Amino acid sequence: VLELTGADIARAFHLGPGHDADLPTVLTFG
């Protein structure tokens, strides 16, 4: 179990679904 905040999220390109935008992209877009 990992807890990510700030820059850790931005570097986590393997976070989230492979068939849609990854989480860092979603948060930036948001």
PDB file of all heavy atoms in Angstrom:
ATOM      1  N   VAL A   1       0.862  -1.184   0.000  1.00  0.00           N
ATOM      2  CA  VAL A   1       0.000   0.000   0.000  1.00  0.00           C
ATOM      3  C   VAL A   1       0.898   1.233   0.000  1.00  0.00           C
ATOM      4  O   VAL A   1       1.780   1.365   0.844  1.00  0.00           O
ATOM      5  CB  VAL A   1      -0.935   0.020   1.225  1.00  0.00           C
ATOM      6  CG1 VAL A   1      -1.775   1.293   1.244  1.00  0.00           C
ATOM      7  CG2 VAL A   1      -1.831  -1.213   1.222  1.00  0.00           C
ATOM      8  N   LEU A   2       0.686   2.116  -0.953  1.00  0.00           N
ATOM      9  CA  LEU A   2       1.485   3.331  -1.102  1.00  0.00           C
ATOM     10  C   LEU A   2       0.595   4.552  -0.954  1.00  0.00           C
ATOM     11  O   LEU A   2      -0.566   4.534  -1.353  1.00  0.00           O
ATOM     12  CB  LEU A   2       2.143   3.366  -2.479  1.00  0.00           C
ATOM     13  CG  LEU A   2       3.018   2.173  -2.845  1.00  0.00           C
ATOM     14  CD1 LEU A   2       3.313   2.174  -4.326  1.00  0.00           C
ATOM     15  CD2 LEU A   2       4.290   2.199  -2.037  1.00  0.00           C
ATOM     16  N   GLU A   3       1.140   5.615  -0.396  1.00  0.00           N
ATOM     17  CA  GLU A   3       0.437   6.894  -0.330  1.00  0.00           C
ATOM     18  C   GLU A   3       1.222   7.893  -1.164  1.00  0.00           C
ATOM     19  O   GLU A   3       2.409   8.108  -0.939  1.00  0.00           O
ATOM     20  CB  GLU A   3       0.329   7.379   1.107  1.00  0.00           C
ATOM     21  CG  GLU A   3      -0.405   8.688   1.230  1.00  0.00           C
ATOM     22  CD  GLU A   3      -0.626   9.123   2.673  1.00  0.00           C
ATOM     23  OE1 GLU A   3      -0.209   8.405   3.596  1.00  0.00           O
ATOM     24  OE2 GLU A   3      -1.219  10.193   2.854  1.00  0.00           O
ATOM     25  N   LEU A   4       0.546   8.482  -2.140  1.00  0.00           N
ATOM     26  CA  LEU A   4       1.194   9.424  -3.047  1.00  0.00           C
ATOM     27  C   LEU A   4       0.544  10.796  -2.944  1.00  0.00           C
ATOM     28  O   LEU A   4      -0.683  10.901  -2.869  1.00  0.00           O
ATOM     29  CB  LEU A   4       1.073   8.939  -4.492  1.00  0.00           C
ATOM     30  CG  LEU A   4       1.552   7.518  -4.797  1.00  0.00           C
ATOM     31  CD1 LEU A   4       1.198   7.145  -6.218  1.00  0.00           C
ATOM     32  CD2 LEU A   4       3.037   7.398  -4.556  1.00  0.00           C
ATOM     33  N   THR A   5       1.363  11.818  -2.950  1.00  0.00           N
ATOM     34  CA  THR A   5       0.893  13.197  -2.974  1.00  0.00           C
ATOM     35  C   THR A   5       1.801  13.994  -3.900  1.00  0.00           C
ATOM     36  O   THR A   5       2.907  13.559  -4.222  1.00  0.00           O
ATOM     37  CB  THR A   5       0.913  13.841  -1.567  1.00  0.00           C
ATOM     38  OG1 THR A   5       2.252  13.810  -1.065  1.00  0.00           O
ATOM     39  CG2 THR A   5      -0.016  13.118  -0.604  1.00  0.00           C
ATOM     40  N   GLY A   6       1.340  15.151  -4.321  1.00  0.00           N
ATOM     41  CA  GLY A   6       2.158  16.095  -5.074  1.00  0.00           C
ATOM     42  C   GLY A   6       2.948  15.499  -6.215  1.00  0.00           C
ATOM     43  O   GLY A   6       2.407  14.870  -7.121  1.00  0.00           O
ATOM     44  N   ALA A   7       4.264  15.688  -6.165  1.00  0.00           N
ATOM     45  CA  ALA A   7       5.151  15.257  -7.239  1.00  0.00           C
ATOM     46  C   ALA A   7       5.150  13.745  -7.415  1.00  0.00           C
ATOM     47  O   ALA A   7       5.377  13.245  -8.514  1.00  0.00           O
ATOM     48  CB  ALA A   7       6.572  15.757  -6.985  1.00  0.00           C
ATOM     49  N   ASP A   8       4.878  12.995  -6.333  1.00  0.00           N
ATOM     50  CA  ASP A   8       4.812  11.539  -6.460  1.00  0.00           C
ATOM     51  C   ASP A   8       3.704  11.128  -7.424  1.00  0.00           C
ATOM     52  O   ASP A   8       3.863  10.201  -8.206  1.00  0.00           O
ATOM     53  CB  ASP A   8       4.547  10.881  -5.100  1.00  0.00           C
ATOM     54  CG  ASP A   8       5.694  11.068  -4.126  1.00  0.00           C
ATOM     55  OD1 ASP A   8       6.855  11.205  -4.579  1.00  0.00           O
ATOM     56  OD2 ASP A   8       5.435  11.073  -2.914  1.00  0.00           O
ATOM     57  N   ILE A   9       2.573  11.822  -7.365  1.00  0.00           N
ATOM     58  CA  ILE A   9       1.467  11.531  -8.279  1.00  0.00           C
ATOM     59  C   ILE A   9       1.871  11.882  -9.705  1.00  0.00           C
ATOM     60  O   ILE A   9       1.619  11.120 -10.635  1.00  0.00           O
ATOM     61  CB  ILE A   9       0.195  12.303  -7.883  1.00  0.00           C
ATOM     62  CG1 ILE A   9      -0.313  11.832  -6.510  1.00  0.00           C
ATOM     63  CG2 ILE A   9      -0.902  12.110  -8.939  1.00  0.00           C
ATOM     64  CD1 ILE A   9      -1.431  12.683  -5.945  1.00  0.00           C
ATOM     65  N   ALA A  10       2.510  13.019  -9.882  1.00  0.00           N
ATOM     66  CA  ALA A  10       2.903  13.468 -11.220  1.00  0.00           C
ATOM     67  C   ALA A  10       3.857  12.484 -11.896  1.00  0.00           C
ATOM     68  O   ALA A  10       3.840  12.338 -13.112  1.00  0.00           O
ATOM     69  CB  ALA A  10       3.549  14.852 -11.139  1.00  0.00           C
ATOM     70  N   ARG A  11       4.672  11.784 -11.094  1.00  0.00           N
ATOM     71  CA  ARG A  11       5.624  10.821 -11.656  1.00  0.00           C
ATOM     72  C   ARG A  11       5.027   9.425 -11.829  1.00  0.00           C
ATOM     73  O   ARG A  11       5.660   8.553 -12.397  1.00  0.00           O
ATOM     74  CB  ARG A  11       6.848  10.730 -10.759  1.00  0.00           C
ATOM     75  CG  ARG A  11       7.725  11.955 -10.818  1.00  0.00           C
ATOM     76  CD  ARG A  11       9.049  11.722 -10.105  1.00  0.00           C
ATOM     77  NE  ARG A  11       8.869  11.402  -8.710  1.00  0.00           N
ATOM     78  CZ  ARG A  11       8.872  12.282  -7.699  1.00  0.00           C
ATOM     79  NH1 ARG A  11       9.034  13.557  -7.962  1.00  0.00           N
ATOM     80  NH2 ARG A  11       8.713  11.898  -6.456  1.00  0.00           N
ATOM     81  N   ALA A  12       3.822   9.203 -11.349  1.00  0.00           N
ATOM     82  CA  ALA A  12       3.223   7.870 -11.340  1.00  0.00           C
ATOM     83  C   ALA A  12       2.466   7.592 -12.634  1.00  0.00           C
ATOM     84  O   ALA A  12       1.265   7.427 -12.642  1.00  0.00           O
ATOM     85  CB  ALA A  12       2.310   7.727 -10.127  1.00  0.00           C
ATOM     86  N   PHE A  13       3.188   7.507 -13.727  1.00  0.00           N
ATOM     87  CA  PHE A  13       2.516   7.309 -15.009  1.00  0.00           C
ATOM     88  C   PHE A  13       1.931   5.912 -15.142  1.00  0.00           C
ATOM     89  O   PHE A  13       1.149   5.660 -16.041  1.00  0.00           O
ATOM     90  CB  PHE A  13       3.462   7.616 -16.180  1.00  0.00           C
ATOM     91  CG  PHE A  13       4.692   6.762 -16.218  1.00  0.00           C
ATOM     92  CD1 PHE A  13       4.690   5.577 -16.912  1.00  0.00           C
ATOM     93  CD2 PHE A  13       5.836   7.169 -15.560  1.00  0.00           C
ATOM     94  CE1 PHE A  13       5.834   4.785 -16.948  1.00  0.00           C
ATOM     95  CE2 PHE A  13       6.976   6.391 -15.595  1.00  0.00           C
ATOM     96  CZ  PHE A  13       6.976   5.186 -16.283  1.00  0.00           C
ATOM     97  N   HIS A  14       2.272   4.995 -14.268  1.00  0.00           N
ATOM     98  CA  HIS A  14       1.670   3.658 -14.294  1.00  0.00           C
ATOM     99  C   HIS A  14       0.470   3.570 -13.368  1.00  0.00           C
ATOM    100  O   HIS A  14       0.029   2.495 -13.011  1.00  0.00           O
ATOM    101  CB  HIS A  14       2.688   2.587 -13.897  1.00  0.00           C
ATOM    102  CG  HIS A  14       3.722   2.366 -14.937  1.00  0.00           C
ATOM    103  ND1 HIS A  14       3.423   1.899 -16.196  1.00  0.00           N
ATOM    104  CD2 HIS A  14       5.055   2.568 -14.922  1.00  0.00           C
ATOM    105  CE1 HIS A  14       4.532   1.813 -16.907  1.00  0.00           C
ATOM    106  NE2 HIS A  14       5.531   2.213 -16.161  1.00  0.00           N
ATOM    107  N   LEU A  15      -0.065   4.705 -12.958  1.00  0.00           N
ATOM    108  CA  LEU A  15      -1.210   4.739 -12.060  1.00  0.00           C
ATOM    109  C   LEU A  15      -2.469   4.944 -12.876  1.00  0.00           C
ATOM    110  O   LEU A  15      -2.576   5.901 -13.620  1.00  0.00           O
ATOM    111  CB  LEU A  15      -1.036   5.888 -11.059  1.00  0.00           C
ATOM    112  CG  LEU A  15      -2.045   6.064  -9.948  1.00  0.00           C
ATOM    113  CD1 LEU A  15      -2.082   4.837  -9.060  1.00  0.00           C
ATOM    114  CD2 LEU A  15      -1.682   7.274  -9.123  1.00  0.00           C
ATOM    115  N   GLY A  16      -3.392   4.037 -12.754  1.00  0.00           N
ATOM    116  CA  GLY A  16      -4.668   4.188 -13.434  1.00  0.00           C
ATOM    117  C   GLY A  16      -4.799   3.297 -14.643  1.00  0.00           C
ATOM    118  O   GLY A  16      -3.916   2.509 -14.953  1.00  0.00           O
ATOM    119  N   PRO A  17      -5.921   3.426 -15.322  1.00  0.00           N
ATOM    120  CA  PRO A  17      -6.246   2.519 -16.419  1.00  0.00           C
ATOM    121  C   PRO A  17      -5.358   2.725 -17.631  1.00  0.00           C
ATOM    122  O   PRO A  17      -5.016   3.844 -17.970  1.00  0.00           O
ATOM    123  CB  PRO A  17      -7.698   2.866 -16.743  1.00  0.00           C
ATOM    124  CG  PRO A  17      -7.874   4.265 -16.272  1.00  0.00           C
ATOM    125  CD  PRO A  17      -6.957   4.436 -15.099  1.00  0.00           C
ATOM    126  N   GLY A  18      -5.017   1.639 -18.282  1.00  0.00           N
ATOM    127  CA  GLY A  18      -4.211   1.717 -19.487  1.00  0.00           C
ATOM    128  C   GLY A  18      -5.027   2.073 -20.709  1.00  0.00           C
ATOM    129  O   GLY A  18      -4.469   2.360 -21.752  1.00  0.00           O
ATOM    130  N   HIS A  19      -6.363   2.080 -20.587  1.00  0.00           N
ATOM    131  CA  HIS A  19      -7.214   2.335 -21.744  1.00  0.00           C
ATOM    132  C   HIS A  19      -7.817   3.739 -21.733  1.00  0.00           C
ATOM    133  O   HIS A  19      -8.723   4.030 -22.495  1.00  0.00           O
ATOM    134  CB  HIS A  19      -8.323   1.283 -21.805  1.00  0.00           C
ATOM    135  CG  HIS A  19      -9.076   1.151 -20.528  1.00  0.00           C
ATOM    136  ND1 HIS A  19      -8.661   0.342 -19.508  1.00  0.00           N
ATOM    137  CD2 HIS A  19     -10.210   1.739 -20.095  1.00  0.00           C
ATOM    138  CE1 HIS A  19      -9.508   0.431 -18.502  1.00  0.00           C
ATOM    139  NE2 HIS A  19     -10.460   1.287 -18.833  1.00  0.00           N
ATOM    140  N   ASP A  20      -7.350   4.608 -20.867  1.00  0.00           N
ATOM    141  CA  ASP A  20      -7.858   5.986 -20.781  1.00  0.00           C
ATOM    142  C   ASP A  20      -6.685   6.851 -20.330  1.00  0.00           C
ATOM    143  O   ASP A  20      -5.573   6.381 -20.177  1.00  0.00           O
ATOM    144  CB  ASP A  20      -9.000   6.043 -19.765  1.00  0.00           C
ATOM    145  CG  ASP A  20      -9.896   7.261 -19.938  1.00  0.00           C
ATOM    146  OD1 ASP A  20      -9.486   8.235 -20.601  1.00  0.00           O
ATOM    147  OD2 ASP A  20     -11.004   7.243 -19.397  1.00  0.00           O
ATOM    148  N   ALA A  21      -6.943   8.121 -20.071  1.00  0.00           N
ATOM    149  CA  ALA A  21      -5.887   9.012 -19.596  1.00  0.00           C
ATOM    150  C   ALA A  21      -5.408   8.550 -18.223  1.00  0.00           C
ATOM    151  O   ALA A  21      -6.208   8.147 -17.381  1.00  0.00           O
ATOM    152  CB  ALA A  21      -6.427  10.438 -19.514  1.00  0.00           C
ATOM    153  N   ASP A  22      -4.102   8.616 -18.002  1.00  0.00           N
ATOM    154  CA  ASP A  22      -3.579   8.241 -16.689  1.00  0.00           C
ATOM    155  C   ASP A  22      -3.902   9.336 -15.678  1.00  0.00           C
ATOM    156  O   ASP A  22      -4.315  10.444 -16.033  1.00  0.00           O
ATOM    157  CB  ASP A  22      -2.087   7.936 -16.750  1.00  0.00           C
ATOM    158  CG  ASP A  22      -1.239   9.122 -17.189  1.00  0.00           C
ATOM    159  OD1 ASP A  22      -1.713  10.275 -17.120  1.00  0.00           O
ATOM    160  OD2 ASP A  22      -0.094   8.901 -17.600  1.00  0.00           O
ATOM    161  N   LEU A  23      -3.757   9.024 -14.405  1.00  0.00           N
ATOM    162  CA  LEU A  23      -4.164   9.943 -13.352  1.00  0.00           C
ATOM    163  C   LEU A  23      -3.419  11.275 -13.379  1.00  0.00           C
ATOM    164  O   LEU A  23      -4.056  12.318 -13.230  1.00  0.00           O
ATOM    165  CB  LEU A  23      -4.038   9.278 -11.979  1.00  0.00           C
ATOM    166  CG  LEU A  23      -4.553  10.110 -10.819  1.00  0.00           C
ATOM    167  CD1 LEU A  23      -6.022  10.474 -11.004  1.00  0.00           C
ATOM    168  CD2 LEU A  23      -4.343   9.372  -9.512  1.00  0.00           C
ATOM    169  N   PRO A  24      -2.105  11.310 -13.556  1.00  0.00           N
ATOM    170  CA  PRO A  24      -1.452  12.626 -13.626  1.00  0.00           C
ATOM    171  C   PRO A  24      -2.041  13.516 -14.728  1.00  0.00           C
ATOM    172  O   PRO A  24      -2.229  14.714 -14.521  1.00  0.00           O
ATOM    173  CB  PRO A  24       0.015  12.277 -13.905  1.00  0.00           C
ATOM    174  CG  PRO A  24       0.183  10.912 -13.324  1.00  0.00           C
ATOM    175  CD  PRO A  24      -1.117  10.217 -13.590  1.00  0.00           C
ATOM    176  N   THR A  25      -2.359  12.935 -15.874  1.00  0.00           N
ATOM    177  CA  THR A  25      -2.963  13.702 -16.964  1.00  0.00           C
ATOM    178  C   THR A  25      -4.342  14.195 -16.566  1.00  0.00           C
ATOM    179  O   THR A  25      -4.703  15.354 -16.814  1.00  0.00           O
ATOM    180  CB  THR A  25      -3.043  12.844 -18.239  1.00  0.00           C
ATOM    181  OG1 THR A  25      -1.717  12.428 -18.587  1.00  0.00           O
ATOM    182  CG2 THR A  25      -3.669  13.607 -19.387  1.00  0.00           C
ATOM    183  N   VAL A  26      -5.144  13.339 -15.935  1.00  0.00           N
ATOM    184  CA  VAL A  26      -6.494  13.712 -15.507  1.00  0.00           C
ATOM    185  C   VAL A  26      -6.434  14.870 -14.519  1.00  0.00           C
ATOM    186  O   VAL A  26      -7.191  15.834 -14.629  1.00  0.00           O
ATOM    187  CB  VAL A  26      -7.224  12.500 -14.882  1.00  0.00           C
ATOM    188  CG1 VAL A  26      -8.507  12.929 -14.181  1.00  0.00           C
ATOM    189  CG2 VAL A  26      -7.513  11.457 -15.950  1.00  0.00           C
ATOM    190  N   LEU A  27      -5.525  14.800 -13.551  1.00  0.00           N
ATOM    191  CA  LEU A  27      -5.430  15.863 -12.546  1.00  0.00           C
ATOM    192  C   LEU A  27      -4.969  17.185 -13.156  1.00  0.00           C
ATOM    193  O   LEU A  27      -5.482  18.248 -12.810  1.00  0.00           O
ATOM    194  CB  LEU A  27      -4.522  15.432 -11.396  1.00  0.00           C
ATOM    195  CG  LEU A  27      -5.027  14.239 -10.583  1.00  0.00           C
ATOM    196  CD1 LEU A  27      -4.005  13.834  -9.536  1.00  0.00           C
ATOM    197  CD2 LEU A  27      -6.383  14.511  -9.965  1.00  0.00           C
ATOM    198  N   THR A  28      -4.022  17.131 -14.068  1.00  0.00           N
ATOM    199  CA  THR A  28      -3.567  18.346 -14.748  1.00  0.00           C
ATOM    200  C   THR A  28      -4.697  18.960 -15.573  1.00  0.00           C
ATOM    201  O   THR A  28      -4.939  20.160 -15.516  1.00  0.00           O
ATOM    202  CB  THR A  28      -2.360  18.038 -15.658  1.00  0.00           C
ATOM    203  OG1 THR A  28      -1.297  17.545 -14.843  1.00  0.00           O
ATOM    204  CG2 THR A  28      -1.900  19.270 -16.409  1.00  0.00           C
ATOM    205  N   PHE A  29      -5.401  18.124 -16.292  1.00  0.00           N
ATOM    206  CA  PHE A  29      -6.535  18.589 -17.085  1.00  0.00           C
ATOM    207  C   PHE A  29      -7.616  19.174 -16.171  1.00  0.00           C
ATOM    208  O   PHE A  29      -8.203  20.218 -16.467  1.00  0.00           O
ATOM    209  CB  PHE A  29      -7.089  17.422 -17.911  1.00  0.00           C
ATOM    210  CG  PHE A  29      -8.164  17.820 -18.869  1.00  0.00           C
ATOM    211  CD1 PHE A  29      -7.893  18.625 -19.965  1.00  0.00           C
ATOM    212  CD2 PHE A  29      -9.465  17.385 -18.678  1.00  0.00           C
ATOM    213  CE1 PHE A  29      -8.884  18.991 -20.851  1.00  0.00           C
ATOM    214  CE2 PHE A  29     -10.472  17.741 -19.559  1.00  0.00           C
ATOM    215  CZ  PHE A  29     -10.182  18.546 -20.645  1.00  0.00           C
ATOM    216  N   GLY A  30      -7.874  18.529 -15.035  1.00  0.00           N
ATOM    217  CA  GLY A  30      -8.866  19.015 -14.072  1.00  0.00           C
ATOM    218  C   GLY A  30      -8.521  20.383 -13.531  1.00  0.00           C
ATOM    219  O   GLY A  30      -9.396  21.248 -13.383  1.00  0.00           O
TER     220      GLY A  30
END
